[in-house]
Amino acid sequence: MTDPVIMFVGANDRAIITCLRSLCARDIPVILLAPLSDRFNPFQFTKYRSLIARQFRFPSPDDSTSFLGHLDYFLARHRNVRLFPTGEKIIRLLHRDLTMLSRHGAILCTATPDSYALVSDKLSFAQLCPQFGIKVPTVFAAKPGYDDLPFVLKPKAHCKQAGDKPNHPILVLDSKQYEACEPWLQDDNYFAQSYLEGESFYYCAAYSDGNRKAAFTQRNICQQPGGKSIVKAAPGDLPDSVKEKIDALMAAQNWSGLMMFELRRVGHEFYGIEINPRLWGPVQLALDNGIDFPRILYQIFAGIETPADTDAHKRSETEPRGYLWLGGYLQGLLMQLSGYGRFQRFGAQKEVSFQDVWLRRDSCLAFCFDMVFVVMKFILGCLKRGKKF
């Protein structure tokens, strides 16, 4: 009997819809766990709505005791599951109670907690890369001043209880943004790196015990304001020397699982920006171009023999497919109108056919509701802040 996959709705839904397309096509059972909150659940409007657990809802991971207690109850009735890594907060929380997962035969499909934190935490990542010949943007030894603009403010490590503190990088591009970030500039839990203008790439790969099983390079075309989500991307390529250094870094961690390594090219040099050691939003791009990361991830943690190492775009060499997220474009436009900066554009891509991640036969209704939800969320946010719109 095939062990089912568990995914948490709301923790990177674009990655989840890609996993559903991959796993369901191979008759791998999936259970979607929806949150207790009344947030928009796009999967209610897809062909996969029957996979949503109707008798169980999970509380916010901000309440760690309640979240883990509910999950313990669920896993006692659904043993030997594979939990796919989609959301950072949930992954970090589960890493704190692997004993509970083991008691129910459940496996979290990530690297070990220590290895995961080493590459995911921003400061340790910046310190690790040079050991493998990978350049990183300059790390400021002291608090940056106005003369250091633009720069990126980053948390040194993931904060368990962030509260109002950001747990993500913040682009500080001008004096207005500098003043808004003043409280965190004084906080020792944050550090600053120089901001680099240049082409943006994701090197995406799957590993088993440090051995690479598949790889795909994504060339980013457009990103939301503030360095948020990628809304347009296409297949790309990187020099073998760059990929070999990244593979060596992951091999040194004896890595098992997926990871997305973000790079910027400035002139002829490549700089490591961060690692996302879990499923990433535009993973649909790799699937559309012949690299099935969800299937490979399942095979690695189910003990199924994986295919030979693949670093090729089966389809992209002849009929490349591009990635598009129109809801993200709309969201980014509203962010821009609200003063959160502007879109980052990294150049056009020719001879690529783009398709929206939601505007597909199995999820076209979810696409429509997603667009409406983005606008409603923006309006409610304006009302909460007392802004006019």
Protein backbone atom coordinates (compact mmCIF):
# COMPACT_ATOMS: atom_id res chain seq x y z
CA MET A 1 0.00 0.00 0.00
CA THR A 2 1.33 3.44 -0.96
CA ASP A 3 1.94 5.79 1.98
CA PRO A 4 -0.06 9.04 1.68
CA VAL A 5 1.36 12.55 1.45
CA ILE A 6 0.19 15.28 3.84
CA MET A 7 0.24 18.98 2.90
CA PHE A 8 -1.01 22.00 4.85
CA VAL A 9 -3.29 24.37 2.93
CA GLY A 10 -2.08 27.97 3.15
CA ALA A 11 1.59 27.02 3.37
CA ASN A 12 2.63 27.86 -0.21
CA ASP A 13 -0.49 26.92 -2.18
CA ARG A 14 1.22 27.33 -5.58
CA ALA A 15 3.67 24.59 -4.67
CA ILE A 16 0.83 22.44 -3.33
CA ILE A 17 -1.20 22.59 -6.58
CA THR A 18 1.93 21.49 -8.48
CA CYS A 19 2.43 18.57 -6.10
CA LEU A 20 -1.20 17.52 -6.53
CA ARG A 21 -0.81 17.44 -10.32
CA SER A 22 2.32 15.32 -10.03
CA LEU A 23 1.28 12.90 -7.27
CA CYS A 24 -2.33 12.34 -8.34
CA ALA A 25 -1.18 11.50 -11.86
CA ARG A 26 0.79 8.64 -10.29
CA ASP A 27 -2.01 7.50 -7.94
CA ILE A 28 -0.08 8.54 -4.84
CA PRO A 29 -2.69 9.32 -2.14
CA VAL A 30 -2.75 12.87 -0.77
CA ILE A 31 -4.50 14.44 2.23
CA LEU A 32 -4.88 18.23 2.42
CA LEU A 33 -5.17 19.68 5.91
CA ALA A 34 -7.02 23.01 5.99
CA PRO A 35 -6.61 25.62 8.73
CA LEU A 36 -9.19 26.37 11.42
CA SER A 37 -9.28 29.99 10.31
CA ASP A 38 -11.74 31.11 7.67
CA ARG A 39 -9.02 32.01 5.18
CA PHE A 40 -9.58 31.44 1.47
CA ASN A 41 -9.00 27.81 0.52
CA PRO A 42 -8.34 27.66 -3.24
CA PHE A 43 -8.44 23.87 -3.31
CA GLN A 44 -12.18 23.90 -2.68
CA PHE A 45 -12.46 25.13 -6.28
CA THR A 46 -10.21 22.55 -7.93
CA LYS A 47 -10.64 18.95 -9.05
CA TYR A 48 -8.72 17.99 -5.89
CA ARG A 49 -11.33 19.26 -3.41
CA SER A 50 -12.19 15.68 -2.34
CA LEU A 51 -8.66 15.38 -0.90
CA ILE A 52 -9.35 17.99 1.78
CA ALA A 53 -9.77 16.35 5.21
CA ARG A 54 -13.34 17.20 6.19
CA GLN A 55 -13.25 16.06 9.81
CA PHE A 56 -10.00 17.72 10.78
CA ARG A 57 -8.77 21.33 10.72
CA PHE A 58 -5.43 22.50 12.09
CA PRO A 59 -4.88 25.59 14.30
CA SER A 60 -2.33 28.28 13.57
CA PRO A 61 1.30 27.16 13.99
CA ASP A 62 1.74 30.37 16.04
CA ASP A 63 0.10 28.36 18.83
CA SER A 64 2.69 25.60 18.77
CA THR A 65 1.21 23.52 21.60
CA SER A 66 -2.26 23.43 20.04
CA PHE A 67 -0.88 22.80 16.53
CA LEU A 68 1.28 19.86 17.59
CA GLY A 69 -1.50 18.45 19.79
CA HIS A 70 -3.98 18.47 16.89
CA LEU A 71 -1.41 16.92 14.57
CA ASP A 72 -0.60 14.21 17.13
CA TYR A 73 -4.31 13.35 17.25
CA PHE A 74 -4.54 13.23 13.45
CA LEU A 75 -1.41 11.12 12.93
CA ALA A 76 -2.59 8.58 15.49
CA ARG A 77 -5.42 7.85 13.03
CA HIS A 78 -3.37 8.21 9.81
CA ARG A 79 -0.10 6.39 10.30
CA ASN A 80 2.96 6.15 8.04
CA VAL A 81 2.44 9.40 6.17
CA ARG A 82 4.93 11.63 4.35
CA LEU A 83 4.71 15.32 5.24
CA PHE A 84 5.79 17.49 2.31
CA PRO A 85 7.81 20.63 3.16
CA THR A 86 5.90 23.68 1.93
CA GLY A 87 5.87 26.32 4.69
CA GLU A 88 8.91 27.44 6.70
CA LYS A 89 7.05 28.08 9.96
CA ILE A 90 5.46 24.62 10.00
CA ILE A 91 8.70 22.88 9.06
CA ARG A 92 10.60 24.56 11.90
CA LEU A 93 7.85 23.63 14.33
CA LEU A 94 7.83 19.97 13.24
CA HIS A 95 11.62 19.83 13.56
CA ARG A 96 11.13 20.52 17.28
CA ASP A 97 9.01 17.38 17.76
CA LEU A 98 10.34 14.70 15.42
CA THR A 99 9.80 12.17 18.21
CA MET A 100 6.05 12.63 17.90
CA LEU A 101 6.22 12.09 14.14
CA SER A 102 8.36 8.99 14.57
CA ARG A 103 5.90 7.55 17.08
CA HIS A 104 3.26 7.52 14.34
CA GLY A 105 5.58 6.36 11.56
CA ALA A 106 5.35 9.81 9.93
CA ILE A 107 8.30 11.23 8.00
CA LEU A 108 8.96 14.92 7.36
CA CYS A 109 10.55 15.08 3.91
CA THR A 110 13.42 17.43 4.74
CA ALA A 111 17.05 17.29 5.74
CA THR A 112 17.96 17.00 9.42
CA PRO A 113 17.05 20.01 11.60
CA ASP A 114 20.69 21.10 12.04
CA SER A 115 21.48 20.93 8.32
CA TYR A 116 18.19 22.62 7.47
CA ALA A 117 18.84 25.54 9.83
CA LEU A 118 22.46 25.89 8.66
CA VAL A 119 21.49 26.60 5.05
CA SER A 120 18.14 28.29 5.68
CA ASP A 121 19.28 30.82 8.30
CA LYS A 122 20.55 33.88 6.48
CA LEU A 123 23.75 34.61 8.41
CA SER A 124 25.01 31.01 8.58
CA PHE A 125 24.29 30.70 4.85
CA ALA A 126 26.37 33.82 4.12
CA GLN A 127 29.22 32.37 6.20
CA LEU A 128 28.95 28.90 4.64
CA CYS A 129 29.04 29.84 0.94
CA PRO A 130 32.63 31.20 0.80
CA GLN A 131 33.88 27.88 2.18
CA PHE A 132 32.83 26.36 -1.15
CA GLY A 133 34.04 29.18 -3.39
CA ILE A 134 30.59 30.82 -3.69
CA LYS A 135 30.61 34.60 -3.44
CA VAL A 136 27.95 36.43 -1.40
CA PRO A 137 26.99 40.12 -1.19
CA THR A 138 29.06 42.15 1.28
CA VAL A 139 27.99 41.69 4.90
CA PHE A 140 28.13 44.98 6.83
CA ALA A 141 30.12 44.68 10.04
CA ALA A 142 28.25 47.59 11.62
CA LYS A 143 24.88 49.30 11.28
CA PRO A 144 24.57 50.62 7.70
CA GLY A 145 24.00 54.33 7.15
CA TYR A 146 22.24 56.33 4.46
CA ASP A 147 25.44 56.25 2.40
CA ASP A 148 25.19 52.44 2.25
CA LEU A 149 21.82 52.48 0.46
CA PRO A 150 20.59 50.31 -1.15
CA PHE A 151 21.00 47.25 1.06
CA VAL A 152 19.05 44.22 2.30
CA LEU A 153 18.15 43.76 5.96
CA LYS A 154 17.93 40.10 7.00
CA PRO A 155 17.18 38.15 10.19
CA LYS A 156 20.27 36.26 11.30
CA ALA A 157 18.20 33.17 12.06
CA HIS A 158 14.58 32.07 11.96
CA CYS A 159 12.73 33.47 14.97
CA LYS A 160 10.35 30.99 16.67
CA GLN A 161 8.07 33.77 17.96
CA ALA A 162 8.58 36.64 15.54
CA GLY A 163 5.58 38.74 16.61
CA ASP A 164 5.80 42.05 14.77
CA LYS A 165 9.40 41.38 13.78
CA PRO A 166 9.91 40.41 10.14
CA ASN A 167 11.18 36.88 9.57
CA HIS A 168 12.11 37.60 5.97
CA PRO A 169 14.59 39.83 4.08
CA ILE A 170 13.62 43.49 3.60
CA LEU A 171 14.84 45.58 0.68
CA VAL A 172 15.95 49.00 1.90
CA LEU A 173 16.28 51.05 -1.27
CA ASP A 174 15.78 54.67 -0.17
CA SER A 175 15.74 56.98 2.86
CA LYS A 176 12.01 56.47 3.46
CA GLN A 177 12.44 52.70 3.71
CA TYR A 178 15.55 53.24 5.85
CA GLU A 179 13.54 55.22 8.40
CA ALA A 180 10.76 52.61 8.41
CA CYS A 181 13.33 49.89 9.24
CA GLU A 182 15.12 51.91 11.96
CA PRO A 183 13.89 49.69 14.87
CA TRP A 184 15.29 46.56 13.24
CA LEU A 185 18.54 48.25 12.28
CA GLN A 186 19.16 48.61 16.01
CA ASP A 187 18.28 44.95 16.68
CA ASP A 188 21.19 42.51 17.03
CA ASN A 189 19.00 39.75 15.60
CA TYR A 190 19.37 41.34 12.13
CA PHE A 191 22.25 42.05 9.79
CA ALA A 192 22.63 43.88 6.48
CA GLN A 193 24.08 42.91 3.12
CA SER A 194 24.70 45.02 0.05
CA TYR A 195 21.96 44.96 -2.57
CA LEU A 196 23.02 43.64 -5.97
CA GLU A 197 21.42 44.59 -9.27
CA GLY A 198 21.66 41.82 -11.82
CA GLU A 199 20.05 38.79 -13.41
CA SER A 200 18.23 36.46 -11.02
CA PHE A 201 18.40 32.65 -11.11
CA TYR A 202 17.12 29.73 -9.05
CA TYR A 203 19.19 26.55 -9.08
CA CYS A 204 16.71 23.86 -8.02
CA ALA A 205 17.81 20.35 -7.12
CA ALA A 206 16.92 17.12 -5.32
CA TYR A 207 19.48 15.09 -3.34
CA SER A 208 19.60 11.76 -1.54
CA ASP A 209 22.36 11.43 1.09
CA GLY A 210 24.26 14.24 -0.63
CA ASN A 211 23.98 12.74 -4.12
CA ARG A 212 22.16 14.86 -6.67
CA LYS A 213 19.16 13.18 -8.28
CA ALA A 214 17.78 15.98 -10.44
CA ALA A 215 18.43 19.64 -11.18
CA PHE A 216 16.70 22.48 -12.98
CA THR A 217 17.66 26.12 -13.49
CA GLN A 218 15.02 28.82 -13.39
CA ARG A 219 15.65 32.26 -14.89
CA ASN A 220 13.52 34.85 -13.13
CA ILE A 221 11.88 37.57 -15.21
CA CYS A 222 9.65 39.52 -12.82
CA GLN A 223 9.37 39.70 -9.02
CA GLN A 224 6.86 41.40 -6.73
CA PRO A 225 7.82 44.64 -4.94
CA GLY A 226 9.95 44.26 -1.87
CA GLY A 227 11.67 41.14 -3.16
CA LYS A 228 8.55 39.03 -2.59
CA SER A 229 7.27 36.24 -4.87
CA ILE A 230 8.37 35.54 -8.42
CA VAL A 231 5.47 36.11 -10.83
CA LYS A 232 7.15 35.30 -14.14
CA ALA A 233 10.02 32.94 -14.96
CA ALA A 234 11.45 30.70 -17.67
CA PRO A 235 13.96 27.85 -18.00
CA GLY A 236 17.56 29.02 -17.74
CA ASP A 237 21.08 27.69 -17.41
CA LEU A 238 24.14 28.22 -15.25
CA PRO A 239 27.83 27.45 -15.79
CA ASP A 240 28.80 23.95 -14.68
CA SER A 241 31.37 25.47 -12.31
CA VAL A 242 28.61 27.27 -10.39
CA LYS A 243 26.40 24.19 -10.15
CA GLU A 244 29.33 22.03 -9.03
CA LYS A 245 30.10 24.39 -6.13
CA ILE A 246 26.48 24.32 -4.96
CA ASP A 247 26.33 20.53 -5.28
CA ALA A 248 29.53 20.27 -3.22
CA LEU A 249 27.99 22.45 -0.50
CA MET A 250 24.91 20.22 -0.33
CA ALA A 251 26.99 17.03 -0.44
CA ALA A 252 28.95 18.27 2.58
CA GLN A 253 25.66 18.42 4.50
CA ASN A 254 24.78 14.87 3.37
CA TRP A 255 21.58 16.52 2.15
CA SER A 256 18.38 14.59 1.50
CA GLY A 257 15.45 16.43 0.00
CA LEU A 258 14.86 19.45 -2.18
CA MET A 259 16.40 22.90 -2.21
CA MET A 260 16.27 26.09 -4.27
CA PHE A 261 19.45 28.17 -4.34
CA GLU A 262 18.93 31.81 -5.36
CA LEU A 263 21.72 33.55 -7.26
CA ARG A 264 22.37 36.96 -8.78
CA ARG A 265 24.69 37.47 -11.75
CA VAL A 266 26.59 40.74 -11.77
CA GLY A 267 28.77 40.95 -14.86
CA HIS A 268 30.44 37.53 -15.09
CA GLU A 269 30.22 36.77 -11.36
CA PHE A 270 27.52 34.81 -9.53
CA TYR A 271 26.54 35.58 -5.93
CA GLY A 272 24.61 33.36 -3.53
CA ILE A 273 21.57 35.14 -2.08
CA GLU A 274 19.78 32.45 -0.05
CA ILE A 275 18.67 28.84 0.02
CA ASN A 276 15.04 27.81 0.24
CA PRO A 277 15.41 24.20 1.51
CA ARG A 278 11.84 23.16 0.73
CA LEU A 279 9.28 23.33 -2.09
CA TRP A 280 9.29 26.75 -3.77
CA GLY A 281 6.37 28.66 -5.32
CA PRO A 282 7.26 28.34 -9.04
CA VAL A 283 8.08 24.59 -8.88
CA GLN A 284 5.39 24.21 -11.59
CA LEU A 285 7.96 25.57 -14.06
CA ALA A 286 10.24 22.57 -13.53
CA LEU A 287 7.32 20.15 -13.84
CA ASP A 288 6.14 21.77 -17.08
CA ASN A 289 9.65 21.34 -18.47
CA GLY A 290 10.07 17.69 -17.58
CA ILE A 291 11.63 17.69 -14.09
CA ASP A 292 9.16 16.19 -11.60
CA PHE A 293 10.46 17.28 -8.20
CA PRO A 294 7.37 16.19 -6.17
CA ARG A 295 7.64 12.62 -7.50
CA ILE A 296 11.39 12.51 -6.86
CA LEU A 297 10.94 13.87 -3.32
CA TYR A 298 8.38 11.15 -2.60
CA GLN A 299 10.67 8.46 -3.98
CA ILE A 300 13.60 9.63 -1.83
CA PHE A 301 11.64 9.47 1.43
CA ALA A 302 9.62 6.38 0.56
CA GLY A 303 12.77 4.38 -0.11
CA ILE A 304 11.91 3.96 -3.79
CA GLU A 305 14.75 3.87 -6.28
CA THR A 306 15.09 7.25 -7.96
CA PRO A 307 16.01 7.77 -11.62
CA ALA A 308 19.54 8.59 -12.72
CA ASP A 309 20.79 12.13 -12.07
CA THR A 310 19.05 14.48 -14.49
CA ASP A 311 20.18 18.03 -15.26
CA ALA A 312 18.33 18.59 -18.50
CA HIS A 313 15.12 20.19 -19.71
CA LYS A 314 13.43 17.43 -21.69
CA ARG A 315 10.85 19.79 -23.07
CA SER A 316 12.59 23.16 -22.71
CA GLU A 317 15.14 22.36 -25.41
CA THR A 318 12.44 22.10 -28.07
CA GLU A 319 9.29 23.72 -26.69
CA PRO A 320 10.17 25.69 -23.53
CA ARG A 321 7.37 26.44 -21.10
CA GLY A 322 7.31 29.56 -18.96
CA TYR A 323 5.79 30.25 -15.53
CA LEU A 324 3.21 32.94 -14.82
CA TRP A 325 1.23 33.90 -11.72
CA LEU A 326 -1.34 36.53 -12.68
CA GLY A 327 -2.77 36.71 -9.15
CA GLY A 328 0.74 37.58 -8.00
CA TYR A 329 0.94 40.31 -10.63
CA LEU A 330 -2.30 41.80 -9.31
CA GLN A 331 -1.09 41.48 -5.74
CA GLY A 332 2.20 43.16 -6.67
CA LEU A 333 0.39 46.00 -8.45
CA LEU A 334 -1.68 46.68 -5.33
CA MET A 335 1.49 46.56 -3.22
CA GLN A 336 3.10 49.06 -5.57
CA LEU A 337 0.10 51.40 -5.34
CA SER A 338 0.35 51.16 -1.54
CA GLY A 339 3.95 52.36 -1.55
CA TYR A 340 5.74 49.02 -1.06
CA GLY A 341 8.17 49.67 -3.89
CA ARG A 342 8.14 48.53 -7.48
CA PHE A 343 8.36 45.30 -9.45
CA GLN A 344 11.85 43.99 -10.11
CA ARG A 345 12.29 43.05 -13.74
CA PHE A 346 15.25 40.99 -14.90
CA GLY A 347 14.84 41.15 -18.68
CA ALA A 348 12.57 39.52 -21.24
CA GLN A 349 12.61 35.93 -22.40
CA LYS A 350 11.95 35.16 -26.06
CA GLU A 351 10.34 32.10 -27.64
CA VAL A 352 8.74 30.84 -24.44
CA SER A 353 5.08 29.92 -24.03
CA PHE A 354 3.83 31.13 -20.64
CA GLN A 355 0.98 29.57 -18.66
CA ASP A 356 -0.52 30.70 -15.36
CA VAL A 357 -0.04 28.30 -12.44
CA TRP A 358 -3.78 28.43 -11.58
CA LEU A 359 -5.42 29.12 -14.94
CA ARG A 360 -5.60 25.45 -15.96
CA ARG A 361 -8.35 22.94 -16.51
CA ASP A 362 -8.02 21.43 -13.03
CA SER A 363 -8.04 24.79 -11.19
CA CYS A 364 -9.60 27.51 -13.38
CA LEU A 365 -12.25 28.33 -10.74
CA ALA A 366 -9.52 28.69 -8.13
CA PHE A 367 -7.82 31.18 -10.47
CA CYS A 368 -10.96 33.35 -10.55
CA PHE A 369 -11.47 33.25 -6.79
CA ASP A 370 -7.76 33.90 -6.21
CA MET A 371 -7.99 37.17 -8.16
CA VAL A 372 -11.05 38.23 -6.15
CA PHE A 373 -9.42 37.22 -2.87
CA VAL A 374 -6.32 39.33 -3.62
CA VAL A 375 -8.47 42.45 -4.09
CA MET A 376 -10.59 41.75 -0.99
CA LYS A 377 -7.50 41.17 1.13
CA PHE A 378 -6.04 44.47 -0.08
CA ILE A 379 -9.24 46.40 0.73
CA LEU A 380 -9.51 44.84 4.19
CA GLY A 381 -5.86 45.65 4.82
CA CYS A 382 -6.44 49.29 3.86
CA LEU A 383 -9.46 49.50 6.17
CA LYS A 384 -7.46 47.97 9.03
CA ARG A 385 -4.69 50.53 8.56
CA GLY A 386 -7.16 53.37 8.13
CA LYS A 387 -6.10 54.08 4.55
CA LYS A 388 -8.26 55.19 1.69
CA PHE A 389 -8.35 53.12 -1.48
